Amino acid sequence: QKIPTLQDGELVLSESAAIVNYLTTAYGAQNN
């Protein structure tokens, strides 16, 4: 019951640092 939570399609991810790492790993290549 903490915030934030990210939903990306079927993936549900909590913990802010994990969300940042996921976003930059999955989608960050085009922006380096």
PDB file of all heavy atoms in Angstrom:
ATOM      1  N   GLN A   1       0.821  -1.221   0.000  1.00  0.00           N
ATOM      2  CA  GLN A   1       0.000   0.000   0.000  1.00  0.00           C
ATOM      3  C   GLN A   1       0.855   1.271   0.000  1.00  0.00           C
ATOM      4  O   GLN A   1       0.417   2.333   0.425  1.00  0.00           O
ATOM      5  CB  GLN A   1      -0.977   0.006   1.180  1.00  0.00           C
ATOM      6  CG  GLN A   1      -1.961  -1.151   1.141  1.00  0.00           C
ATOM      7  CD  GLN A   1      -2.913  -1.165   2.306  1.00  0.00           C
ATOM      8  OE1 GLN A   1      -2.559  -0.797   3.430  1.00  0.00           O
ATOM      9  NE2 GLN A   1      -4.149  -1.598   2.054  1.00  0.00           N
ATOM     10  N   LYS A   2       2.071   1.147  -0.515  1.00  0.00           N
ATOM     11  CA  LYS A   2       2.954   2.298  -0.648  1.00  0.00           C
ATOM     12  C   LYS A   2       2.871   2.843  -2.069  1.00  0.00           C
ATOM     13  O   LYS A   2       2.413   2.168  -2.987  1.00  0.00           O
ATOM     14  CB  LYS A   2       4.403   1.915  -0.324  1.00  0.00           C
ATOM     15  CG  LYS A   2       4.628   1.370   1.078  1.00  0.00           C
ATOM     16  CD  LYS A   2       4.469   2.453   2.123  1.00  0.00           C
ATOM     17  CE  LYS A   2       4.846   1.935   3.505  1.00  0.00           C
ATOM     18  NZ  LYS A   2       4.756   2.995   4.532  1.00  0.00           N
ATOM     19  N   ILE A   3       3.291   4.078  -2.242  1.00  0.00           N
ATOM     20  CA  ILE A   3       3.386   4.661  -3.580  1.00  0.00           C
ATOM     21  C   ILE A   3       4.835   5.045  -3.826  1.00  0.00           C
ATOM     22  O   ILE A   3       5.565   5.353  -2.882  1.00  0.00           O
ATOM     23  CB  ILE A   3       2.451   5.888  -3.736  1.00  0.00           C
ATOM     24  CG1 ILE A   3       2.732   6.942  -2.642  1.00  0.00           C
ATOM     25  CG2 ILE A   3       1.004   5.460  -3.739  1.00  0.00           C
ATOM     26  CD1 ILE A   3       1.945   8.235  -2.807  1.00  0.00           C
ATOM     27  N   PRO A   4       5.262   4.946  -5.126  1.00  0.00           N
ATOM     28  CA  PRO A   4       4.509   4.721  -6.357  1.00  0.00           C
ATOM     29  C   PRO A   4       4.398   3.245  -6.722  1.00  0.00           C
ATOM     30  O   PRO A   4       5.069   2.388  -6.154  1.00  0.00           O
ATOM     31  CB  PRO A   4       5.366   5.440  -7.394  1.00  0.00           C
ATOM     32  CG  PRO A   4       6.770   5.187  -6.917  1.00  0.00           C
ATOM     33  CD  PRO A   4       6.678   5.262  -5.403  1.00  0.00           C
ATOM     34  N   THR A   5       3.538   3.005  -7.717  1.00  0.00           N
ATOM     35  CA  THR A   5       3.488   1.730  -8.425  1.00  0.00           C
ATOM     36  C   THR A   5       3.402   2.030  -9.913  1.00  0.00           C
ATOM     37  O   THR A   5       2.707   2.963 -10.319  1.00  0.00           O
ATOM     38  CB  THR A   5       2.284   0.887  -7.981  1.00  0.00           C
ATOM     39  OG1 THR A   5       2.464   0.514  -6.604  1.00  0.00           O
ATOM     40  CG2 THR A   5       2.137  -0.368  -8.821  1.00  0.00           C
ATOM     41  N   LEU A   6       4.113   1.257 -10.702  1.00  0.00           N
ATOM     42  CA  LEU A   6       4.081   1.375 -12.153  1.00  0.00           C
ATOM     43  C   LEU A   6       3.407   0.153 -12.747  1.00  0.00           C
ATOM     44  O   LEU A   6       3.714  -0.981 -12.366  1.00  0.00           O
ATOM     45  CB  LEU A   6       5.508   1.481 -12.709  1.00  0.00           C
ATOM     46  CG  LEU A   6       5.661   1.348 -14.237  1.00  0.00           C
ATOM     47  CD1 LEU A   6       5.058   2.554 -14.952  1.00  0.00           C
ATOM     48  CD2 LEU A   6       7.117   1.146 -14.630  1.00  0.00           C
ATOM     49  N   GLN A   7       2.485   0.387 -13.667  1.00  0.00           N
ATOM     50  CA  GLN A   7       1.959  -0.672 -14.524  1.00  0.00           C
ATOM     51  C   GLN A   7       2.449  -0.423 -15.940  1.00  0.00           C
ATOM     52  O   GLN A   7       2.273   0.671 -16.482  1.00  0.00           O
ATOM     53  CB  GLN A   7       0.428  -0.667 -14.517  1.00  0.00           C
ATOM     54  CG  GLN A   7      -0.206  -1.168 -13.237  1.00  0.00           C
ATOM     55  CD  GLN A   7      -1.722  -1.145 -13.333  1.00  0.00           C
ATOM     56  OE1 GLN A   7      -2.348  -0.168 -12.932  1.00  0.00           O
ATOM     57  NE2 GLN A   7      -2.301  -2.221 -13.852  1.00  0.00           N
ATOM     58  N   ASP A   8       3.072  -1.428 -16.514  1.00  0.00           N
ATOM     59  CA  ASP A   8       3.511  -1.366 -17.911  1.00  0.00           C
ATOM     60  C   ASP A   8       2.991  -2.622 -18.580  1.00  0.00           C
ATOM     61  O   ASP A   8       3.610  -3.687 -18.506  1.00  0.00           O
ATOM     62  CB  ASP A   8       5.032  -1.290 -17.990  1.00  0.00           C
ATOM     63  CG  ASP A   8       5.527  -1.170 -19.431  1.00  0.00           C
ATOM     64  OD1 ASP A   8       4.685  -1.097 -20.350  1.00  0.00           O
ATOM     65  OD2 ASP A   8       6.750  -1.147 -19.648  1.00  0.00           O
ATOM     66  N   GLY A   9       1.826  -2.501 -19.225  1.00  0.00           N
ATOM     67  CA  GLY A   9       1.186  -3.696 -19.743  1.00  0.00           C
ATOM     68  C   GLY A   9       0.855  -4.634 -18.603  1.00  0.00           C
ATOM     69  O   GLY A   9       0.184  -4.256 -17.641  1.00  0.00           O
ATOM     70  N   GLU A  10       1.367  -5.849 -18.665  1.00  0.00           N
ATOM     71  CA  GLU A  10       1.097  -6.850 -17.627  1.00  0.00           C
ATOM     72  C   GLU A  10       2.036  -6.723 -16.433  1.00  0.00           C
ATOM     73  O   GLU A  10       1.791  -7.311 -15.381  1.00  0.00           O
ATOM     74  CB  GLU A  10       1.212  -8.262 -18.210  1.00  0.00           C
ATOM     75  CG  GLU A  10       0.191  -8.574 -19.294  1.00  0.00           C
ATOM     76  CD  GLU A  10      -1.233  -8.476 -18.776  1.00  0.00           C
ATOM     77  OE1 GLU A  10      -1.508  -9.019 -17.695  1.00  0.00           O
ATOM     78  OE2 GLU A  10      -2.062  -7.852 -19.473  1.00  0.00           O
ATOM     79  N   LEU A  11       3.097  -5.958 -16.586  1.00  0.00           N
ATOM     80  CA  LEU A  11       4.071  -5.819 -15.502  1.00  0.00           C
ATOM     81  C   LEU A  11       3.571  -4.828 -14.463  1.00  0.00           C
ATOM     82  O   LEU A  11       3.123  -3.726 -14.793  1.00  0.00           O
ATOM     83  CB  LEU A  11       5.411  -5.327 -16.051  1.00  0.00           C
ATOM     84  CG  LEU A  11       6.496  -5.023 -15.010  1.00  0.00           C
ATOM     85  CD1 LEU A  11       6.961  -6.307 -14.332  1.00  0.00           C
ATOM     86  CD2 LEU A  11       7.669  -4.295 -15.649  1.00  0.00           C
ATOM     87  N   VAL A  12       3.671  -5.214 -13.199  1.00  0.00           N
ATOM     88  CA  VAL A  12       3.365  -4.323 -12.074  1.00  0.00           C
ATOM     89  C   VAL A  12       4.619  -4.245 -11.219  1.00  0.00           C
ATOM     90  O   VAL A  12       5.158  -5.265 -10.782  1.00  0.00           O
ATOM     91  CB  VAL A  12       2.180  -4.849 -11.236  1.00  0.00           C
ATOM     92  CG1 VAL A  12       1.925  -3.923 -10.047  1.00  0.00           C
ATOM     93  CG2 VAL A  12       0.927  -4.964 -12.093  1.00  0.00           C
ATOM     94  N   LEU A  13       5.079  -3.014 -10.984  1.00  0.00           N
ATOM     95  CA  LEU A  13       6.354  -2.830 -10.304  1.00  0.00           C
ATOM     96  C   LEU A  13       6.219  -1.733  -9.264  1.00  0.00           C
ATOM     97  O   LEU A  13       5.685  -0.656  -9.544  1.00  0.00           O
ATOM     98  CB  LEU A  13       7.421  -2.441 -11.330  1.00  0.00           C
ATOM     99  CG  LEU A  13       8.887  -2.437 -10.902  1.00  0.00           C
ATOM    100  CD1 LEU A  13       9.323  -3.839 -10.498  1.00  0.00           C
ATOM    101  CD2 LEU A  13       9.760  -1.904 -12.035  1.00  0.00           C
ATOM    102  N   SER A  14       6.704  -1.991  -8.067  1.00  0.00           N
ATOM    103  CA  SER A  14       6.754  -0.981  -7.012  1.00  0.00           C
ATOM    104  C   SER A  14       8.210  -0.708  -6.654  1.00  0.00           C
ATOM    105  O   SER A  14       9.123  -1.285  -7.241  1.00  0.00           O
ATOM    106  CB  SER A  14       5.959  -1.443  -5.781  1.00  0.00           C
ATOM    107  OG  SER A  14       6.508  -2.637  -5.249  1.00  0.00           O
ATOM    108  N   GLU A  15       8.421   0.189  -5.689  1.00  0.00           N
ATOM    109  CA  GLU A  15       9.726   0.660  -5.241  1.00  0.00           C
ATOM    110  C   GLU A  15      10.310   1.628  -6.265  1.00  0.00           C
ATOM    111  O   GLU A  15      10.620   1.249  -7.402  1.00  0.00           O
ATOM    112  CB  GLU A  15      10.701  -0.479  -4.953  1.00  0.00           C
ATOM    113  CG  GLU A  15      10.210  -1.469  -3.916  1.00  0.00           C
ATOM    114  CD  GLU A  15       9.942  -0.829  -2.564  1.00  0.00           C
ATOM    115  OE1 GLU A  15      10.641   0.147  -2.199  1.00  0.00           O
ATOM    116  OE2 GLU A  15       9.026  -1.298  -1.859  1.00  0.00           O
ATOM    117  N   SER A  16      10.482   2.871  -5.845  1.00  0.00           N
ATOM    118  CA  SER A  16      10.838   3.941  -6.780  1.00  0.00           C
ATOM    119  C   SER A  16      12.163   3.691  -7.490  1.00  0.00           C
ATOM    120  O   SER A  16      12.286   3.949  -8.691  1.00  0.00           O
ATOM    121  CB  SER A  16      10.863   5.290  -6.056  1.00  0.00           C
ATOM    122  OG  SER A  16      11.817   5.309  -5.004  1.00  0.00           O
ATOM    123  N   ALA A  17      13.166   3.189  -6.784  1.00  0.00           N
ATOM    124  CA  ALA A  17      14.459   2.942  -7.425  1.00  0.00           C
ATOM    125  C   ALA A  17      14.347   1.831  -8.462  1.00  0.00           C
ATOM    126  O   ALA A  17      14.956   1.898  -9.537  1.00  0.00           O
ATOM    127  CB  ALA A  17      15.515   2.586  -6.389  1.00  0.00           C
ATOM    128  N   ALA A  18      13.562   0.793  -8.151  1.00  0.00           N
ATOM    129  CA  ALA A  18      13.359  -0.294  -9.108  1.00  0.00           C
ATOM    130  C   ALA A  18      12.640   0.216 -10.355  1.00  0.00           C
ATOM    131  O   ALA A  18      12.957  -0.195 -11.486  1.00  0.00           O
ATOM    132  CB  ALA A  18      12.570  -1.422  -8.460  1.00  0.00           C
ATOM    133  N   ILE A  19      11.682   1.118 -10.165  1.00  0.00           N
ATOM    134  CA  ILE A  19      10.952   1.684 -11.301  1.00  0.00           C
ATOM    135  C   ILE A  19      11.889   2.493 -12.183  1.00  0.00           C
ATOM    136  O   ILE A  19      11.880   2.363 -13.412  1.00  0.00           O
ATOM    137  CB  ILE A  19       9.772   2.542 -10.799  1.00  0.00           C
ATOM    138  CG1 ILE A  19       8.697   1.649 -10.171  1.00  0.00           C
ATOM    139  CG2 ILE A  19       9.186   3.378 -11.934  1.00  0.00           C
ATOM    140  CD1 ILE A  19       7.607   2.399  -9.439  1.00  0.00           C
ATOM    141  N   VAL A  20      12.727   3.324 -11.570  1.00  0.00           N
ATOM    142  CA  VAL A  20      13.689   4.118 -12.348  1.00  0.00           C
ATOM    143  C   VAL A  20      14.636   3.208 -13.117  1.00  0.00           C
ATOM    144  O   VAL A  20      14.895   3.419 -14.315  1.00  0.00           O
ATOM    145  CB  VAL A  20      14.469   5.075 -11.427  1.00  0.00           C
ATOM    146  CG1 VAL A  20      15.654   5.697 -12.166  1.00  0.00           C
ATOM    147  CG2 VAL A  20      13.550   6.169 -10.900  1.00  0.00           C
ATOM    148  N   ASN A  21      15.155   2.183 -12.464  1.00  0.00           N
ATOM    149  CA  ASN A  21      16.080   1.270 -13.139  1.00  0.00           C
ATOM    150  C   ASN A  21      15.393   0.527 -14.281  1.00  0.00           C
ATOM    151  O   ASN A  21      15.987   0.325 -15.351  1.00  0.00           O
ATOM    152  CB  ASN A  21      16.670   0.273 -12.144  1.00  0.00           C
ATOM    153  CG  ASN A  21      17.767   0.886 -11.298  1.00  0.00           C
ATOM    154  OD1 ASN A  21      18.223   1.999 -11.559  1.00  0.00           O
ATOM    155  ND2 ASN A  21      18.182   0.174 -10.268  1.00  0.00           N
ATOM    156  N   TYR A  22      14.156   0.112 -14.062  1.00  0.00           N
ATOM    157  CA  TYR A  22      13.422  -0.576 -15.115  1.00  0.00           C
ATOM    158  C   TYR A  22      13.200   0.338 -16.315  1.00  0.00           C
ATOM    159  O   TYR A  22      13.454  -0.056 -17.461  1.00  0.00           O
ATOM    160  CB  TYR A  22      12.076  -1.073 -14.586  1.00  0.00           C
ATOM    161  CG  TYR A  22      11.158  -1.529 -15.698  1.00  0.00           C
ATOM    162  CD1 TYR A  22      11.398  -2.712 -16.390  1.00  0.00           C
ATOM    163  CD2 TYR A  22      10.060  -0.746 -16.082  1.00  0.00           C
ATOM    164  CE1 TYR A  22      10.571  -3.114 -17.429  1.00  0.00           C
ATOM    165  CE2 TYR A  22       9.228  -1.140 -17.122  1.00  0.00           C
ATOM    166  CZ  TYR A  22       9.489  -2.326 -17.790  1.00  0.00           C
ATOM    167  OH  TYR A  22       8.682  -2.712 -18.826  1.00  0.00           O
ATOM    168  N   LEU A  23      12.723   1.552 -16.066  1.00  0.00           N
ATOM    169  CA  LEU A  23      12.416   2.458 -17.172  1.00  0.00           C
ATOM    170  C   LEU A  23      13.655   2.787 -17.989  1.00  0.00           C
ATOM    171  O   LEU A  23      13.618   2.789 -19.227  1.00  0.00           O
ATOM    172  CB  LEU A  23      11.781   3.739 -16.636  1.00  0.00           C
ATOM    173  CG  LEU A  23      10.372   3.597 -16.060  1.00  0.00           C
ATOM    174  CD1 LEU A  23       9.935   4.907 -15.391  1.00  0.00           C
ATOM    175  CD2 LEU A  23       9.375   3.191 -17.134  1.00  0.00           C
ATOM    176  N   THR A  24      14.755   3.064 -17.303  1.00  0.00           N
ATOM    177  CA  THR A  24      15.967   3.428 -18.043  1.00  0.00           C
ATOM    178  C   THR A  24      16.585   2.224 -18.743  1.00  0.00           C
ATOM    179  O   THR A  24      17.179   2.369 -19.816  1.00  0.00           O
ATOM    180  CB  THR A  24      16.989   4.099 -17.119  1.00  0.00           C
ATOM    181  OG1 THR A  24      17.255   3.262 -15.982  1.00  0.00           O
ATOM    182  CG2 THR A  24      16.482   5.454 -16.628  1.00  0.00           C
ATOM    183  N   THR A  25      16.439   1.033 -18.160  1.00  0.00           N
ATOM    184  CA  THR A  25      16.949  -0.176 -18.809  1.00  0.00           C
ATOM    185  C   THR A  25      16.103  -0.541 -20.019  1.00  0.00           C
ATOM    186  O   THR A  25      16.622  -0.859 -21.102  1.00  0.00           O
ATOM    187  CB  THR A  25      16.971  -1.353 -17.816  1.00  0.00           C
ATOM    188  OG1 THR A  25      17.817  -1.026 -16.708  1.00  0.00           O
ATOM    189  CG2 THR A  25      17.484  -2.621 -18.479  1.00  0.00           C
ATOM    190  N   ALA A  26      14.784  -0.509 -19.846  1.00  0.00           N
ATOM    191  CA  ALA A  26      13.882  -0.965 -20.903  1.00  0.00           C
ATOM    192  C   ALA A  26      13.728   0.045 -22.028  1.00  0.00           C
ATOM    193  O   ALA A  26      13.612  -0.335 -23.195  1.00  0.00           O
ATOM    194  CB  ALA A  26      12.512  -1.293 -20.301  1.00  0.00           C
ATOM    195  N   TYR A  27      13.736   1.351 -21.674  1.00  0.00           N
ATOM    196  CA  TYR A  27      13.363   2.360 -22.655  1.00  0.00           C
ATOM    197  C   TYR A  27      14.388   3.486 -22.799  1.00  0.00           C
ATOM    198  O   TYR A  27      14.154   4.433 -23.544  1.00  0.00           O
ATOM    199  CB  TYR A  27      12.013   2.970 -22.270  1.00  0.00           C
ATOM    200  CG  TYR A  27      10.891   1.975 -22.202  1.00  0.00           C
ATOM    201  CD1 TYR A  27      10.375   1.569 -20.972  1.00  0.00           C
ATOM    202  CD2 TYR A  27      10.336   1.442 -23.358  1.00  0.00           C
ATOM    203  CE1 TYR A  27       9.327   0.659 -20.903  1.00  0.00           C
ATOM    204  CE2 TYR A  27       9.290   0.530 -23.301  1.00  0.00           C
ATOM    205  CZ  TYR A  27       8.784   0.138 -22.065  1.00  0.00           C
ATOM    206  OH  TYR A  27       7.762  -0.761 -22.008  1.00  0.00           O
ATOM    207  N   GLY A  28      15.503   3.399 -22.103  1.00  0.00           N
ATOM    208  CA  GLY A  28      16.424   4.528 -22.078  1.00  0.00           C
ATOM    209  C   GLY A  28      17.471   4.565 -23.161  1.00  0.00           C
ATOM    210  O   GLY A  28      18.180   5.565 -23.291  1.00  0.00           O
ATOM    211  N   ALA A  29      17.591   3.517 -23.954  1.00  0.00           N
ATOM    212  CA  ALA A  29      18.696   3.450 -24.911  1.00  0.00           C
ATOM    213  C   ALA A  29      18.668   4.585 -25.920  1.00  0.00           C
ATOM    214  O   ALA A  29      19.701   5.172 -26.247  1.00  0.00           O
ATOM    215  CB  ALA A  29      18.685   2.098 -25.633  1.00  0.00           C
ATOM    216  N   GLN A  30      17.492   4.923 -26.431  1.00  0.00           N
ATOM    217  CA  GLN A  30      17.440   5.928 -27.486  1.00  0.00           C
ATOM    218  C   GLN A  30      17.821   7.323 -26.982  1.00  0.00           C
ATOM    219  O   GLN A  30      18.209   8.190 -27.771  1.00  0.00           O
ATOM    220  CB  GLN A  30      16.059   5.967 -28.132  1.00  0.00           C
ATOM    221  CG  GLN A  30      14.944   6.499 -27.259  1.00  0.00           C
ATOM    222  CD  GLN A  30      13.604   6.461 -27.980  1.00  0.00           C
ATOM    223  OE1 GLN A  30      13.301   5.530 -28.718  1.00  0.00           O
ATOM    224  NE2 GLN A  30      12.792   7.485 -27.782  1.00  0.00           N
ATOM    225  N   ASN A  31      17.718   7.540 -25.663  1.00  0.00           N
ATOM    226  CA  ASN A  31      18.141   8.807 -25.079  1.00  0.00           C
ATOM    227  C   ASN A  31      19.448   8.685 -24.301  1.00  0.00           C
ATOM    228  O   ASN A  31      19.813   9.593 -23.557  1.00  0.00           O
ATOM    229  CB  ASN A  31      17.052   9.359 -24.163  1.00  0.00           C
ATOM    230  CG  ASN A  31      15.794   9.741 -24.917  1.00  0.00           C
ATOM    231  OD1 ASN A  31      15.851  10.075 -26.100  1.00  0.00           O
ATOM    232  ND2 ASN A  31      14.654   9.685 -24.256  1.00  0.00           N
ATOM    233  N   ASN A  32      20.131   7.549 -24.458  1.00  0.00           N
ATOM    234  CA  ASN A  32      21.401   7.292 -23.785  1.00  0.00           C
ATOM    235  C   ASN A  32      21.260   7.378 -22.268  1.00  0.00           C
ATOM    236  O   ASN A  32      22.116   7.920 -21.576  1.00  0.00           O
ATOM    237  CB  ASN A  32      22.491   8.264 -24.266  1.00  0.00           C
ATOM    238  CG  ASN A  32      23.893   7.756 -23.978  1.00  0.00           C
ATOM    239  OD1 ASN A  32      24.124   6.548 -23.866  1.00  0.00           O
ATOM    240  ND2 ASN A  32      24.840   8.675 -23.848  1.00  0.00           N
TER     241      ASN A  32
END
